[in-house]
Amino acid sequence: MWAPAGPGWNWKQPAGWILSWNHLATYGQGVPGVKTLRAVNGKFPHASAADLKATGLCAYLGEDGASLLDRPLGLWRMPTADEMVRSLSRDGVNAGCAWSGKPGFSPCRTTPDKETPLWAPDQSPIYYWAADEAAADQAWYVAYNGAVQRQPKSFGNPRHGYRCVREPPSR
């Protein structure tokens, strides 16, 4: 289940940027909120996958996925690169992609496109951060066309987004 519009999906900040991997991972450290990350000796400190799981923004989403709480519920999380790649579609049909675990284009039955339900075709992000770390200072991201690459965790721009995910509620 993908997060609806709101803080769990490409939450644009007042200055126009979308959260970096580090911002997402450190949301709940100290007082919950988006942290101003500052370079130390010319380098940004990097959060870890453990930080992303424990203090990441997704963990603070309410059950509806559209509101942020002051404590983590742990219902929502960042998806892995493999989960995103396997969710890519074209013309409303799953594109049949699988990630090899390496950078580059994922093999697919058909070339995926930037379409719903995973993507918002009317928004600028064409890449989504994945929960997976590529190195201590890098994380994987997935493009709408099935490409998977790595980027510094501190990187952020309007074309890099994210989307939280959760298991559907049991009925």
Protein backbone atom coordinates (compact mmCIF):
# COMPACT_ATOMS: atom_id res chain seq x y z
CA MET A 1 0.00 0.00 0.00
CA TRP A 2 1.57 3.30 -1.10
CA ALA A 3 1.26 6.48 0.99
CA PRO A 4 -1.32 9.00 -0.21
CA ALA A 5 -0.53 12.65 -0.97
CA GLY A 6 1.04 14.32 2.04
CA PRO A 7 4.21 13.96 4.12
CA GLY A 8 4.67 10.29 3.17
CA TRP A 9 4.94 11.11 -0.53
CA ASN A 10 7.25 13.80 -1.96
CA TRP A 11 6.66 16.26 0.88
CA LYS A 12 7.91 19.50 -0.67
CA GLN A 13 9.48 21.89 1.81
CA PRO A 14 8.71 25.64 1.87
CA ALA A 15 11.96 26.38 0.01
CA GLY A 16 10.85 24.03 -2.81
CA TRP A 17 13.06 21.01 -2.15
CA ILE A 18 12.04 17.45 -1.33
CA LEU A 19 13.71 15.57 1.51
CA SER A 20 17.07 13.86 1.01
CA TRP A 21 17.65 10.29 2.27
CA ASN A 22 19.41 11.76 5.33
CA HIS A 23 16.45 14.06 6.05
CA LEU A 24 14.07 11.11 5.81
CA ALA A 25 16.23 8.96 8.11
CA THR A 26 16.77 11.58 10.82
CA TYR A 27 13.19 12.91 11.05
CA GLY A 28 12.58 11.46 14.53
CA GLN A 29 16.01 12.08 16.06
CA GLY A 30 15.53 14.48 18.96
CA VAL A 31 12.36 16.48 18.42
CA PRO A 32 10.44 15.05 15.43
CA GLY A 33 10.75 17.28 12.38
CA VAL A 34 12.85 18.00 9.32
CA LYS A 35 16.39 18.69 10.50
CA THR A 36 18.69 21.34 9.08
CA LEU A 37 21.65 19.16 8.18
CA ARG A 38 24.99 20.92 8.40
CA ALA A 39 28.33 19.85 7.02
CA VAL A 40 31.04 19.01 9.56
CA ASN A 41 34.56 19.62 8.24
CA GLY A 42 33.10 19.97 4.75
CA LYS A 43 31.19 16.66 4.88
CA PHE A 44 27.62 15.83 5.75
CA PRO A 45 27.10 13.18 8.42
CA HIS A 46 25.23 10.21 6.99
CA ALA A 47 22.36 8.37 8.58
CA SER A 48 22.21 4.58 8.42
CA ALA A 49 19.57 2.05 7.40
CA ALA A 50 19.03 1.46 11.15
CA ASP A 51 18.33 5.20 11.55
CA LEU A 52 15.90 5.11 8.63
CA LYS A 53 13.99 2.25 10.26
CA ALA A 54 14.01 3.64 13.82
CA THR A 55 13.73 7.41 13.31
CA GLY A 56 12.73 7.73 9.67
CA LEU A 57 9.82 9.94 8.65
CA CYS A 58 7.77 6.99 7.38
CA ALA A 59 7.63 5.47 10.89
CA TYR A 60 5.94 8.67 12.12
CA LEU A 61 3.07 8.52 9.65
CA GLY A 62 -0.37 7.96 11.11
CA GLU A 63 -2.49 5.00 10.10
CA ASP A 64 -4.02 7.01 7.23
CA GLY A 65 -0.55 7.77 5.84
CA ALA A 66 -1.49 11.43 5.46
CA SER A 67 -0.57 12.79 8.89
CA LEU A 68 2.63 12.94 10.94
CA LEU A 69 2.55 11.99 14.61
CA ASP A 70 4.81 13.04 17.48
CA ARG A 71 5.78 9.39 18.09
CA PRO A 72 6.52 6.53 15.70
CA LEU A 73 3.79 3.96 15.04
CA GLY A 74 6.02 1.95 12.72
CA LEU A 75 3.21 1.11 10.29
CA TRP A 76 4.89 2.77 7.31
CA ARG A 77 8.44 2.37 6.01
CA MET A 78 10.61 3.17 3.02
CA PRO A 79 10.34 0.52 0.28
CA THR A 80 13.37 -1.36 -0.96
CA ALA A 81 14.70 -0.84 -4.48
CA ASP A 82 13.50 -4.34 -5.37
CA GLU A 83 9.95 -3.59 -4.16
CA MET A 84 9.81 -0.41 -6.23
CA VAL A 85 11.25 -2.04 -9.34
CA ARG A 86 8.75 -4.91 -9.07
CA SER A 87 5.92 -2.32 -8.79
CA LEU A 88 6.74 -0.45 -12.01
CA SER A 89 4.04 -0.48 -14.67
CA ARG A 90 3.12 0.54 -18.20
CA ASP A 91 -0.42 1.25 -19.39
CA GLY A 92 -1.79 0.12 -16.02
CA VAL A 93 -0.13 -3.33 -16.21
CA ASN A 94 2.86 -4.49 -14.16
CA ALA A 95 5.98 -4.15 -16.34
CA GLY A 96 7.49 -7.41 -15.02
CA CYS A 97 10.73 -5.87 -13.78
CA ALA A 98 13.21 -7.38 -11.32
CA TRP A 99 16.26 -5.74 -9.76
CA SER A 100 19.59 -7.56 -10.05
CA GLY A 101 21.05 -5.79 -7.00
CA LYS A 102 23.43 -3.84 -9.24
CA PRO A 103 23.29 -0.36 -10.78
CA GLY A 104 21.75 0.02 -14.21
CA PHE A 105 18.51 -0.81 -15.95
CA SER A 106 16.44 -3.59 -14.46
CA PRO A 107 15.30 -6.30 -16.86
CA CYS A 108 11.57 -5.86 -17.60
CA ARG A 109 8.97 -7.56 -19.82
CA THR A 110 8.05 -4.09 -21.07
CA THR A 111 9.64 -0.67 -20.50
CA PRO A 112 7.90 0.95 -17.52
CA ASP A 113 6.59 4.51 -17.59
CA LYS A 114 5.92 7.26 -15.04
CA GLU A 115 2.34 6.41 -14.16
CA THR A 116 0.08 5.73 -11.24
CA PRO A 117 -0.27 4.16 -8.78
CA LEU A 118 3.43 4.43 -7.85
CA TRP A 119 4.24 7.72 -9.58
CA ALA A 120 2.47 11.06 -9.88
CA PRO A 121 2.85 11.96 -13.58
CA ASP A 122 2.09 15.62 -12.83
CA GLN A 123 4.91 15.97 -10.24
CA SER A 124 8.60 16.59 -10.89
CA PRO A 125 10.21 13.57 -9.15
CA ILE A 126 11.36 10.94 -11.61
CA TYR A 127 13.51 9.11 -9.01
CA TYR A 128 12.51 7.70 -5.62
CA TRP A 129 14.85 6.97 -2.75
CA ALA A 130 14.94 3.33 -1.67
CA ALA A 131 15.51 2.04 1.87
CA ASP A 132 18.66 0.23 0.72
CA GLU A 133 22.12 1.60 1.37
CA ALA A 134 24.66 1.36 -1.45
CA ALA A 135 27.51 2.43 0.87
CA ALA A 136 27.85 4.26 4.19
CA ASP A 137 27.40 7.60 2.41
CA GLN A 138 25.15 6.49 -0.49
CA ALA A 139 21.67 5.09 -0.98
CA TRP A 140 19.95 3.51 -3.97
CA TYR A 141 17.26 5.27 -5.93
CA VAL A 142 14.88 3.99 -8.58
CA ALA A 143 13.87 5.83 -11.74
CA TYR A 144 10.41 5.48 -13.26
CA ASN A 145 11.96 3.68 -16.25
CA GLY A 146 13.50 0.89 -14.17
CA ALA A 147 17.02 2.27 -13.76
CA VAL A 148 18.55 1.86 -10.30
CA GLN A 149 21.51 4.01 -9.31
CA ARG A 150 23.28 5.29 -6.20
CA GLN A 151 23.53 8.84 -4.91
CA PRO A 152 24.99 10.52 -1.80
CA LYS A 153 22.45 10.36 1.04
CA SER A 154 22.73 14.13 1.48
CA PHE A 155 21.62 14.78 -2.11
CA GLY A 156 18.29 16.42 -2.67
CA ASN A 157 16.60 18.14 -5.58
CA PRO A 158 13.05 18.42 -6.94
CA ARG A 159 13.53 15.40 -9.23
CA HIS A 160 14.45 13.09 -6.32
CA GLY A 161 11.41 12.06 -4.28
CA TYR A 162 10.28 9.27 -2.02
CA ARG A 163 7.16 7.35 -1.13
CA CYS A 164 6.40 5.42 2.04
CA VAL A 165 4.79 1.98 1.92
CA ARG A 166 3.02 -0.40 4.31
CA GLU A 167 1.31 -3.72 4.37
CA PRO A 168 -2.46 -3.34 3.82
CA PRO A 169 -4.47 -3.48 7.06
CA SER A 170 -5.78 -6.96 7.76
CA ARG A 171 -9.53 -7.31 7.50
